[in-house]
């Protein structure tokens, strides 16, 4: 019986997942070229995710390095190579959350302050969507980045975020509304 081919979008995601799973297994068996290829495929997406979440390029470099170090230490223990993308994004997310906790930790006097760096003061030339994302709270920004910019399914987003799939859907709905409102408020789109 012939099955219809999956939509082009899905096939690309499936092919990437298969490629990643094969590379993971080969890397777990000690193949350094497979590991290098895996890192090569995922370095930019991980960095972009972290950069968008932190909105500071210098911090993104450091946090991405921490995330990769944690992922490489844990890779031999990854039991389901088919789930590499959500597994890696979860590690990156934890690294981002650790950085945000550090950045917003309370001072000894008791009040939380934001620790700025010189990089945070630099004016950044952003695309319209990046500008809109930056104006969203972290929870809404994160779900949009994972779902739209990293092409992860709602199920994968749920796994990464540690919430039910329905929560991801409601966050996506709320985040899209907030993004649209933010862009309209800034005059970057039409009502």
N, C-alpha and C. Protein backbone atom coordinates (compact mmCIF):
# COMPACT_ATOMS: atom_id res chain seq x y z
N UNK A 1 0.83 -1.18 0.00
CA UNK A 1 0.00 0.00 0.00
C UNK A 1 0.88 1.24 0.00
N UNK A 2 0.60 2.14 -0.90
CA UNK A 2 1.38 3.38 -1.00
C UNK A 2 0.84 4.42 -0.05
N UNK A 3 1.75 5.00 0.70
CA UNK A 3 1.37 6.10 1.61
C UNK A 3 1.65 7.41 0.91
N UNK A 4 0.80 8.39 1.16
CA UNK A 4 1.10 9.70 0.57
C UNK A 4 2.35 10.27 1.24
N UNK A 5 3.12 10.99 0.47
CA UNK A 5 4.33 11.61 1.01
C UNK A 5 3.92 12.68 2.01
N UNK A 6 4.68 12.79 3.12
CA UNK A 6 4.35 13.84 4.09
C UNK A 6 4.57 15.21 3.46
N UNK A 7 3.92 16.24 3.99
CA UNK A 7 4.15 17.57 3.46
C UNK A 7 5.64 17.89 3.48
N UNK A 8 6.06 18.71 2.56
CA UNK A 8 7.47 19.03 2.41
C UNK A 8 8.10 19.51 3.71
N UNK A 9 7.39 20.33 4.44
CA UNK A 9 7.85 20.83 5.73
C UNK A 9 8.20 19.69 6.67
N UNK A 10 7.27 18.75 6.82
CA UNK A 10 7.45 17.64 7.74
C UNK A 10 8.60 16.75 7.31
N UNK A 11 8.73 16.52 6.02
CA UNK A 11 9.80 15.65 5.53
C UNK A 11 11.15 16.25 5.89
N UNK A 12 11.31 17.56 5.76
CA UNK A 12 12.57 18.21 6.12
C UNK A 12 12.89 18.04 7.58
N UNK A 13 11.89 18.18 8.43
CA UNK A 13 12.09 18.00 9.86
C UNK A 13 12.44 16.55 10.15
N UNK A 14 11.75 15.61 9.51
CA UNK A 14 12.00 14.20 9.72
C UNK A 14 13.40 13.84 9.26
N UNK A 15 13.81 14.35 8.09
CA UNK A 15 15.15 14.07 7.59
C UNK A 15 16.22 14.60 8.53
N UNK A 16 16.01 15.80 9.08
CA UNK A 16 16.98 16.37 10.04
C UNK A 16 17.03 15.52 11.29
N UNK A 17 15.88 15.07 11.77
CA UNK A 17 15.85 14.24 12.98
C UNK A 17 16.59 12.93 12.74
N UNK A 18 16.39 12.32 11.57
CA UNK A 18 17.11 11.07 11.25
C UNK A 18 18.60 11.31 11.17
N UNK A 19 18.98 12.39 10.47
CA UNK A 19 20.40 12.73 10.35
C UNK A 19 21.01 12.92 11.74
N UNK A 20 20.33 13.69 12.59
CA UNK A 20 20.83 13.94 13.94
C UNK A 20 20.94 12.65 14.74
N UNK A 21 19.92 11.79 14.65
CA UNK A 21 19.94 10.53 15.41
C UNK A 21 21.14 9.68 14.99
N UNK A 22 21.38 9.60 13.70
CA UNK A 22 22.52 8.83 13.20
C UNK A 22 23.84 9.43 13.70
N UNK A 23 23.95 10.75 13.62
CA UNK A 23 25.16 11.42 14.10
C UNK A 23 25.35 11.22 15.60
N UNK A 24 24.27 11.24 16.36
CA UNK A 24 24.36 11.03 17.81
C UNK A 24 24.91 9.63 18.09
N UNK A 25 24.35 8.64 17.44
CA UNK A 25 24.80 7.26 17.68
C UNK A 25 26.27 7.12 17.31
N UNK A 26 26.65 7.66 16.16
CA UNK A 26 28.05 7.58 15.75
C UNK A 26 28.96 8.31 16.74
N UNK A 27 28.51 9.48 17.22
CA UNK A 27 29.30 10.24 18.20
C UNK A 27 29.41 9.46 19.51
N UNK A 28 28.33 8.82 19.92
CA UNK A 28 28.36 8.02 21.15
C UNK A 28 29.32 6.84 21.02
N UNK A 29 29.55 6.40 19.80
CA UNK A 29 30.49 5.30 19.56
C UNK A 29 31.92 5.79 19.37
N UNK A 30 32.12 7.10 19.50
CA UNK A 30 33.47 7.65 19.46
C UNK A 30 33.88 8.29 18.14
N UNK A 31 32.97 8.44 17.21
CA UNK A 31 33.28 9.04 15.92
C UNK A 31 33.36 10.56 16.07
N UNK A 32 34.57 11.08 16.06
CA UNK A 32 34.78 12.52 16.26
C UNK A 32 34.23 13.36 15.11
N UNK A 33 34.30 12.83 13.89
CA UNK A 33 33.75 13.58 12.75
C UNK A 33 32.24 13.72 12.88
N UNK A 34 31.57 12.67 13.36
CA UNK A 34 30.12 12.75 13.55
C UNK A 34 29.79 13.79 14.61
N UNK A 35 30.57 13.82 15.68
CA UNK A 35 30.35 14.82 16.73
C UNK A 35 30.56 16.22 16.18
N UNK A 36 31.62 16.41 15.42
CA UNK A 36 31.89 17.73 14.83
C UNK A 36 30.76 18.15 13.89
N UNK A 37 30.23 17.21 13.12
CA UNK A 37 29.13 17.52 12.21
C UNK A 37 27.87 17.88 12.98
N UNK A 38 27.61 17.16 14.06
CA UNK A 38 26.44 17.43 14.90
C UNK A 38 26.53 18.84 15.49
N UNK A 39 27.69 19.17 16.02
CA UNK A 39 27.90 20.50 16.59
C UNK A 39 27.78 21.56 15.50
N UNK A 40 28.33 21.27 14.34
CA UNK A 40 28.26 22.21 13.23
C UNK A 40 26.82 22.51 12.83
N UNK A 41 25.98 21.48 12.79
CA UNK A 41 24.57 21.68 12.42
C UNK A 41 23.80 22.48 13.46
N UNK A 42 24.15 22.32 14.72
CA UNK A 42 23.35 22.89 15.80
C UNK A 42 23.95 24.12 16.47
N UNK A 43 25.19 24.47 16.14
CA UNK A 43 25.82 25.60 16.82
C UNK A 43 25.03 26.89 16.61
N UNK A 44 24.75 27.24 15.37
CA UNK A 44 24.03 28.49 15.09
C UNK A 44 22.61 28.51 15.66
N UNK A 45 21.80 27.45 15.48
CA UNK A 45 20.46 27.51 16.07
C UNK A 45 20.48 27.68 17.60
N UNK A 46 21.41 27.01 18.26
CA UNK A 46 21.50 27.14 19.73
C UNK A 46 21.92 28.56 20.09
N UNK A 47 22.92 29.08 19.40
CA UNK A 47 23.38 30.44 19.70
C UNK A 47 22.27 31.45 19.46
N UNK A 48 21.55 31.31 18.35
CA UNK A 48 20.45 32.25 18.05
C UNK A 48 19.36 32.19 19.12
N UNK A 49 19.01 30.99 19.55
CA UNK A 49 18.00 30.84 20.61
C UNK A 49 18.48 31.57 21.87
N UNK A 50 19.69 31.30 22.28
CA UNK A 50 20.23 31.92 23.50
C UNK A 50 20.32 33.43 23.32
N UNK A 51 20.77 33.87 22.16
CA UNK A 51 20.90 35.31 21.89
C UNK A 51 19.55 36.02 21.99
N UNK A 52 18.54 35.40 21.42
CA UNK A 52 17.21 36.01 21.45
C UNK A 52 16.64 36.02 22.86
N UNK A 53 16.94 35.02 23.63
CA UNK A 53 16.43 34.96 25.00
C UNK A 53 17.15 35.95 25.91
N UNK A 54 18.44 36.14 25.70
CA UNK A 54 19.21 37.02 26.59
C UNK A 54 19.31 38.44 26.07
N UNK A 55 19.17 38.63 24.76
CA UNK A 55 19.25 39.95 24.14
C UNK A 55 20.59 40.63 24.42
N UNK A 56 21.65 39.82 24.55
CA UNK A 56 23.00 40.34 24.76
C UNK A 56 23.98 39.42 24.06
N UNK A 57 24.61 39.87 22.96
CA UNK A 57 25.48 38.99 22.18
C UNK A 57 26.63 38.38 22.99
N UNK A 58 27.31 39.16 23.80
CA UNK A 58 28.43 38.64 24.58
C UNK A 58 28.01 37.56 25.55
N UNK A 59 26.89 37.78 26.20
CA UNK A 59 26.39 36.77 27.14
C UNK A 59 25.98 35.52 26.38
N UNK A 60 25.45 35.68 25.18
CA UNK A 60 25.04 34.52 24.38
C UNK A 60 26.23 33.62 24.08
N UNK A 61 27.37 34.21 23.78
CA UNK A 61 28.57 33.40 23.51
C UNK A 61 28.93 32.55 24.72
N UNK A 62 28.96 33.17 25.89
CA UNK A 62 29.33 32.45 27.10
C UNK A 62 28.31 31.37 27.46
N UNK A 63 27.04 31.72 27.37
CA UNK A 63 25.99 30.77 27.74
C UNK A 63 25.93 29.62 26.73
N UNK A 64 26.13 29.92 25.45
CA UNK A 64 26.16 28.86 24.45
C UNK A 64 27.31 27.91 24.72
N UNK A 65 28.44 28.44 25.09
CA UNK A 65 29.58 27.59 25.41
C UNK A 65 29.27 26.69 26.61
N UNK A 66 28.63 27.25 27.63
CA UNK A 66 28.23 26.46 28.80
C UNK A 66 27.23 25.37 28.40
N UNK A 67 26.28 25.72 27.55
CA UNK A 67 25.27 24.75 27.11
C UNK A 67 25.93 23.62 26.33
N UNK A 68 26.85 23.96 25.42
CA UNK A 68 27.53 22.91 24.65
C UNK A 68 28.38 22.03 25.55
N UNK A 69 29.05 22.62 26.52
CA UNK A 69 29.85 21.81 27.44
C UNK A 69 28.96 20.81 28.19
N UNK A 70 27.82 21.28 28.65
CA UNK A 70 26.89 20.38 29.36
C UNK A 70 26.35 19.30 28.41
N UNK A 71 26.02 19.68 27.18
CA UNK A 71 25.48 18.71 26.22
C UNK A 71 26.53 17.65 25.87
N UNK A 72 27.75 18.08 25.67
CA UNK A 72 28.80 17.12 25.30
C UNK A 72 29.12 16.17 26.45
N UNK A 73 29.05 16.66 27.68
CA UNK A 73 29.24 15.77 28.84
C UNK A 73 28.12 14.75 28.94
N UNK A 74 26.89 15.16 28.61
CA UNK A 74 25.72 14.30 28.77
C UNK A 74 25.42 13.44 27.54
N UNK A 75 26.01 13.75 26.40
CA UNK A 75 25.69 13.03 25.17
C UNK A 75 25.84 11.51 25.27
N UNK A 76 26.87 11.00 25.93
CA UNK A 76 26.97 9.54 26.03
C UNK A 76 25.78 8.89 26.75
N UNK A 77 25.08 9.65 27.57
CA UNK A 77 23.95 9.10 28.32
C UNK A 77 22.60 9.33 27.64
N UNK A 78 22.58 10.00 26.49
CA UNK A 78 21.33 10.24 25.76
C UNK A 78 20.80 8.89 25.27
N UNK A 79 19.65 8.48 25.77
CA UNK A 79 19.10 7.16 25.45
C UNK A 79 18.26 7.15 24.18
N UNK A 80 17.69 8.28 23.81
CA UNK A 80 16.82 8.33 22.65
C UNK A 80 17.37 9.34 21.63
N UNK A 81 18.28 8.90 20.77
CA UNK A 81 18.88 9.81 19.79
C UNK A 81 17.87 10.51 18.88
N UNK A 82 16.69 9.91 18.70
CA UNK A 82 15.65 10.55 17.88
C UNK A 82 15.13 11.83 18.51
N UNK A 83 15.34 12.01 19.80
CA UNK A 83 14.86 13.19 20.52
C UNK A 83 15.99 14.19 20.77
N UNK A 84 17.03 14.15 19.94
CA UNK A 84 18.20 15.00 20.15
C UNK A 84 17.84 16.49 20.19
N UNK A 85 17.04 16.97 19.23
CA UNK A 85 16.73 18.41 19.17
C UNK A 85 16.06 18.91 20.45
N UNK A 86 14.97 18.28 20.92
CA UNK A 86 14.39 18.78 22.17
C UNK A 86 15.32 18.63 23.37
N UNK A 87 16.11 17.56 23.37
CA UNK A 87 17.07 17.34 24.46
C UNK A 87 18.09 18.47 24.50
N UNK A 88 18.65 18.81 23.33
CA UNK A 88 19.65 19.87 23.26
C UNK A 88 19.04 21.22 23.60
N UNK A 89 17.83 21.50 23.11
CA UNK A 89 17.18 22.77 23.42
C UNK A 89 16.86 22.88 24.92
N UNK A 90 16.56 21.77 25.55
CA UNK A 90 16.31 21.78 27.00
C UNK A 90 17.58 22.17 27.75
N UNK A 91 18.70 21.63 27.31
CA UNK A 91 19.98 21.98 27.93
C UNK A 91 20.27 23.47 27.73
N UNK A 92 20.04 23.96 26.52
CA UNK A 92 20.26 25.39 26.24
C UNK A 92 19.33 26.25 27.10
N UNK A 93 18.10 25.81 27.25
CA UNK A 93 17.13 26.55 28.05
C UNK A 93 17.59 26.63 29.51
N UNK A 94 18.08 25.52 30.04
CA UNK A 94 18.58 25.54 31.43
C UNK A 94 19.74 26.52 31.58
N UNK A 95 20.62 26.55 30.59
CA UNK A 95 21.74 27.48 30.65
C UNK A 95 21.24 28.93 30.62
N UNK A 96 20.23 29.20 29.81
CA UNK A 96 19.64 30.55 29.76
C UNK A 96 19.01 30.90 31.10
N UNK A 97 18.25 29.97 31.66
CA UNK A 97 17.60 30.24 32.95
C UNK A 97 18.64 30.48 34.04
N UNK A 98 19.73 29.74 34.03
CA UNK A 98 20.79 29.97 35.02
C UNK A 98 21.36 31.38 34.86
N UNK A 99 21.57 31.80 33.62
CA UNK A 99 22.09 33.15 33.36
C UNK A 99 21.09 34.21 33.82
N UNK A 100 19.81 34.01 33.53
CA UNK A 100 18.80 34.98 33.94
C UNK A 100 18.69 35.05 35.47
N UNK A 101 18.78 33.90 36.13
CA UNK A 101 18.75 33.92 37.60
C UNK A 101 19.91 34.73 38.14
N UNK A 102 21.07 34.54 37.56
CA UNK A 102 22.26 35.28 37.99
C UNK A 102 22.09 36.77 37.72
N UNK A 103 21.56 37.08 36.57
CA UNK A 103 21.40 38.47 36.16
C UNK A 103 20.40 39.22 37.04
N UNK A 104 19.37 38.53 37.48
CA UNK A 104 18.31 39.17 38.26
C UNK A 104 18.33 38.78 39.73
N UNK A 105 19.41 38.25 40.19
CA UNK A 105 19.46 37.81 41.60
C UNK A 105 19.41 39.02 42.53
N UNK A 106 18.82 38.83 43.72
CA UNK A 106 18.75 39.94 44.67
C UNK A 106 20.13 40.34 45.18
N UNK A 107 20.31 41.62 45.35
CA UNK A 107 21.55 42.13 45.93
C UNK A 107 21.51 41.85 47.43
N UNK A 108 22.65 41.94 48.10
CA UNK A 108 22.67 41.70 49.55
C UNK A 108 21.66 42.54 50.33
N UNK A 109 21.31 43.73 49.83
CA UNK A 109 20.33 44.58 50.51
C UNK A 109 18.91 44.08 50.35
N UNK A 110 18.68 43.10 49.47
CA UNK A 110 17.36 42.51 49.34
C UNK A 110 16.63 42.81 48.05
N UNK A 111 16.97 43.87 47.33
CA UNK A 111 16.24 44.20 46.11
C UNK A 111 16.95 43.61 44.90
N UNK A 112 16.17 43.09 44.00
CA UNK A 112 16.73 42.54 42.76
C UNK A 112 17.12 43.68 41.84
N UNK A 113 18.29 43.57 41.27
CA UNK A 113 18.74 44.56 40.29
C UNK A 113 19.21 43.83 39.05
N UNK A 114 19.16 44.52 37.93
CA UNK A 114 19.64 43.95 36.68
C UNK A 114 21.11 44.30 36.55
N UNK A 115 21.93 43.28 36.27
CA UNK A 115 23.35 43.49 36.06
C UNK A 115 23.58 43.74 34.58
N UNK A 116 23.91 44.98 34.24
CA UNK A 116 24.12 45.36 32.85
C UNK A 116 25.61 45.24 32.51
N UNK A 117 25.87 45.01 31.28
CA UNK A 117 27.24 45.05 30.80
C UNK A 117 27.32 46.12 29.73
N UNK A 118 28.53 46.43 29.30
CA UNK A 118 28.69 47.41 28.24
C UNK A 118 27.95 46.99 26.98
N UNK A 119 27.89 45.67 26.73
CA UNK A 119 27.21 45.17 25.55
C UNK A 119 25.72 45.49 25.57
N UNK A 120 25.14 45.48 26.76
CA UNK A 120 23.70 45.76 26.86
C UNK A 120 23.40 47.19 26.49
N UNK A 121 24.39 48.08 26.61
CA UNK A 121 24.18 49.49 26.30
C UNK A 121 24.35 49.78 24.81
N UNK A 122 24.88 48.85 24.06
CA UNK A 122 25.10 49.07 22.63
C UNK A 122 23.76 49.09 21.90
N UNK A 123 23.65 50.00 20.94
CA UNK A 123 22.43 50.05 20.12
C UNK A 123 22.50 48.92 19.10
N UNK A 124 21.44 48.13 19.02
CA UNK A 124 21.41 47.00 18.10
C UNK A 124 20.44 47.27 16.97
N UNK A 125 20.88 46.97 15.79
CA UNK A 125 20.03 47.10 14.62
C UNK A 125 19.27 45.79 14.46
N UNK A 126 17.97 45.79 14.78
CA UNK A 126 17.18 44.56 14.78
C UNK A 126 16.19 44.54 13.64
N UNK A 127 15.89 43.36 13.22
CA UNK A 127 14.79 43.16 12.28
C UNK A 127 13.49 43.39 13.04
N UNK A 128 12.40 43.60 12.32
CA UNK A 128 11.11 43.90 12.95
C UNK A 128 10.70 42.81 13.93
N UNK A 129 10.80 41.58 13.55
CA UNK A 129 10.37 40.49 14.44
C UNK A 129 11.26 40.40 15.66
N UNK A 130 12.55 40.54 15.47
CA UNK A 130 13.46 40.50 16.60
C UNK A 130 13.15 41.62 17.58
N UNK A 131 12.81 42.79 17.04
CA UNK A 131 12.43 43.91 17.91
C UNK A 131 11.15 43.59 18.67
N UNK A 132 10.21 42.98 17.98
CA UNK A 132 8.97 42.60 18.64
C UNK A 132 9.19 41.54 19.70
N UNK A 133 10.04 40.56 19.40
CA UNK A 133 10.33 39.52 20.38
C UNK A 133 10.97 40.09 21.64
N UNK A 134 11.86 41.04 21.44
CA UNK A 134 12.55 41.63 22.58
C UNK A 134 11.57 42.33 23.52
N UNK A 135 10.44 42.77 23.00
CA UNK A 135 9.46 43.47 23.82
C UNK A 135 8.53 42.55 24.58
N UNK A 136 8.67 41.26 24.36
CA UNK A 136 7.79 40.30 25.04
C UNK A 136 8.43 39.77 26.32
N UNK A 137 7.60 39.39 27.27
CA UNK A 137 8.13 38.72 28.47
C UNK A 137 8.81 37.40 28.07
N UNK A 138 9.77 36.94 28.86
CA UNK A 138 10.54 35.74 28.51
C UNK A 138 9.69 34.50 28.20
N UNK A 139 8.61 34.26 28.90
CA UNK A 139 7.80 33.06 28.68
C UNK A 139 7.20 33.08 27.28
N UNK A 140 6.66 34.20 26.88
CA UNK A 140 6.05 34.31 25.56
C UNK A 140 7.11 34.34 24.47
N UNK A 141 8.20 35.03 24.71
CA UNK A 141 9.29 35.10 23.74
C UNK A 141 9.84 33.70 23.47
N UNK A 142 10.03 32.96 24.53
CA UNK A 142 10.63 31.62 24.41
C UNK A 142 9.77 30.68 23.58
N UNK A 143 8.48 30.65 23.81
CA UNK A 143 7.62 29.72 23.07
C UNK A 143 7.59 30.09 21.59
N UNK A 144 7.59 31.38 21.26
CA UNK A 144 7.62 31.79 19.86
C UNK A 144 8.94 31.40 19.19
N UNK A 145 10.04 31.60 19.89
CA UNK A 145 11.35 31.25 19.34
C UNK A 145 11.44 29.75 19.08
N UNK A 146 11.03 28.95 20.05
CA UNK A 146 11.11 27.50 19.88
C UNK A 146 10.21 27.01 18.76
N UNK A 147 8.98 27.50 18.73
CA UNK A 147 7.99 26.99 17.78
C UNK A 147 8.24 27.51 16.36
N UNK A 148 8.43 28.82 16.22
CA UNK A 148 8.54 29.39 14.89
C UNK A 148 9.97 29.48 14.35
N UNK A 149 10.90 29.88 15.18
CA UNK A 149 12.25 30.08 14.68
C UNK A 149 13.07 28.80 14.66
N UNK A 150 12.72 27.85 15.51
CA UNK A 150 13.44 26.58 15.52
C UNK A 150 12.60 25.44 14.97
N UNK A 151 11.41 25.74 14.47
CA UNK A 151 10.54 24.76 13.82
C UNK A 151 10.29 23.51 14.68
N UNK A 152 10.14 23.70 15.97
CA UNK A 152 9.84 22.57 16.85
C UNK A 152 8.34 22.40 16.95
N UNK A 153 7.91 21.18 17.09
CA UNK A 153 6.48 20.89 17.24
C UNK A 153 6.00 21.36 18.62
N UNK A 154 4.69 21.45 18.77
CA UNK A 154 4.13 21.81 20.07
C UNK A 154 4.52 20.75 21.11
N UNK A 155 4.58 19.50 20.69
CA UNK A 155 4.98 18.41 21.59
C UNK A 155 6.43 18.59 22.05
N UNK A 156 7.32 18.91 21.11
CA UNK A 156 8.73 19.14 21.47
C UNK A 156 8.86 20.36 22.39
N UNK A 157 8.12 21.42 22.08
CA UNK A 157 8.13 22.61 22.93
C UNK A 157 7.67 22.26 24.34
N UNK A 158 6.64 21.44 24.43
CA UNK A 158 6.12 21.03 25.74
C UNK A 158 7.19 20.28 26.53
N UNK A 159 7.91 19.40 25.84
CA UNK A 159 8.97 18.65 26.51
C UNK A 159 10.07 19.58 26.99
N UNK A 160 10.50 20.50 26.15
CA UNK A 160 11.57 21.42 26.50
C UNK A 160 11.15 22.32 27.66
N UNK A 161 9.94 22.83 27.60
CA UNK A 161 9.46 23.77 28.61
C UNK A 161 8.96 23.09 29.88
N UNK A 162 8.75 21.78 29.80
CA UNK A 162 8.27 21.05 30.97
C UNK A 162 6.83 21.37 31.31
N UNK A 163 6.01 21.59 30.28
CA UNK A 163 4.59 21.90 30.48
C UNK A 163 3.76 21.02 29.55
N UNK A 164 2.46 20.89 29.81
CA UNK A 164 1.61 20.12 28.89
C UNK A 164 1.50 20.79 27.52
N UNK A 165 1.17 20.00 26.51
CA UNK A 165 1.03 20.49 25.14
C UNK A 165 -0.03 21.60 25.06
N UNK A 166 -1.11 21.46 25.79
CA UNK A 166 -2.16 22.48 25.80
C UNK A 166 -1.65 23.81 26.32
N UNK A 167 -0.74 23.77 27.28
CA UNK A 167 -0.15 25.00 27.81
C UNK A 167 0.69 25.68 26.73
N UNK A 168 1.41 24.88 25.95
CA UNK A 168 2.19 25.44 24.85
C UNK A 168 1.26 26.14 23.87
N UNK A 169 0.15 25.50 23.54
CA UNK A 169 -0.79 26.10 22.58
C UNK A 169 -1.37 27.41 23.12
N UNK A 170 -1.71 27.43 24.40
CA UNK A 170 -2.27 28.67 24.95
C UNK A 170 -1.19 29.76 25.03
N UNK A 171 0.04 29.37 25.35
CA UNK A 171 1.13 30.35 25.36
C UNK A 171 1.38 30.90 23.96
N UNK A 172 1.33 30.03 22.96
CA UNK A 172 1.51 30.49 21.59
C UNK A 172 0.42 31.48 21.19
N UNK A 173 -0.81 31.17 21.54
CA UNK A 173 -1.93 32.06 21.23
C UNK A 173 -1.71 33.43 21.89
N UNK A 174 -1.39 33.41 23.18
CA UNK A 174 -1.17 34.65 23.92
C UNK A 174 0.06 35.39 23.38
N UNK A 175 1.12 34.67 23.07
CA UNK A 175 2.35 35.30 22.60
C UNK A 175 2.15 35.96 21.24
N UNK A 176 1.40 35.31 20.35
CA UNK A 176 1.13 35.91 19.04
C UNK A 176 0.34 37.21 19.19
N UNK A 177 -0.66 37.19 20.09
CA UNK A 177 -1.45 38.41 20.34
C UNK A 177 -0.56 39.51 20.89
N UNK A 178 0.28 39.15 21.85
CA UNK A 178 1.16 40.15 22.47
C UNK A 178 2.16 40.70 21.45
N UNK A 179 2.71 39.83 20.61
CA UNK A 179 3.67 40.28 19.60
C UNK A 179 3.00 41.24 18.63
N UNK A 180 1.81 40.89 18.18
CA UNK A 180 1.08 41.76 17.25
C UNK A 180 0.80 43.11 17.90
N UNK A 181 0.33 43.10 19.14
CA UNK A 181 0.04 44.35 19.84
C UNK A 181 1.30 45.19 20.01
N UNK A 182 2.40 44.54 20.33
CA UNK A 182 3.66 45.26 20.51
C UNK A 182 4.11 45.90 19.19
N UNK A 183 4.00 45.15 18.10
CA UNK A 183 4.41 45.68 16.80
C UNK A 183 3.51 46.83 16.36
N UNK A 184 2.21 46.73 16.62
CA UNK A 184 1.28 47.81 16.29
C UNK A 184 1.60 49.05 17.13
N UNK A 185 1.85 48.85 18.41
CA UNK A 185 2.17 49.95 19.30
C UNK A 185 3.42 50.68 18.84
N UNK A 186 4.39 49.95 18.32
CA UNK A 186 5.64 50.54 17.86
C UNK A 186 5.53 51.07 16.44
N UNK A 187 4.36 50.88 15.82
CA UNK A 187 4.15 51.36 14.47
C UNK A 187 4.84 50.52 13.42
N UNK A 188 5.10 49.26 13.73
CA UNK A 188 5.83 48.41 12.81
C UNK A 188 4.92 47.53 11.97
N UNK A 189 3.63 47.60 12.18
CA UNK A 189 2.69 46.84 11.37
C UNK A 189 1.36 47.59 11.34
N UNK A 190 0.49 47.16 10.47
CA UNK A 190 -0.83 47.80 10.37
C UNK A 190 -1.81 47.06 11.26
N UNK A 191 -2.80 47.79 11.76
CA UNK A 191 -3.85 47.15 12.58
C UNK A 191 -4.76 46.32 11.74
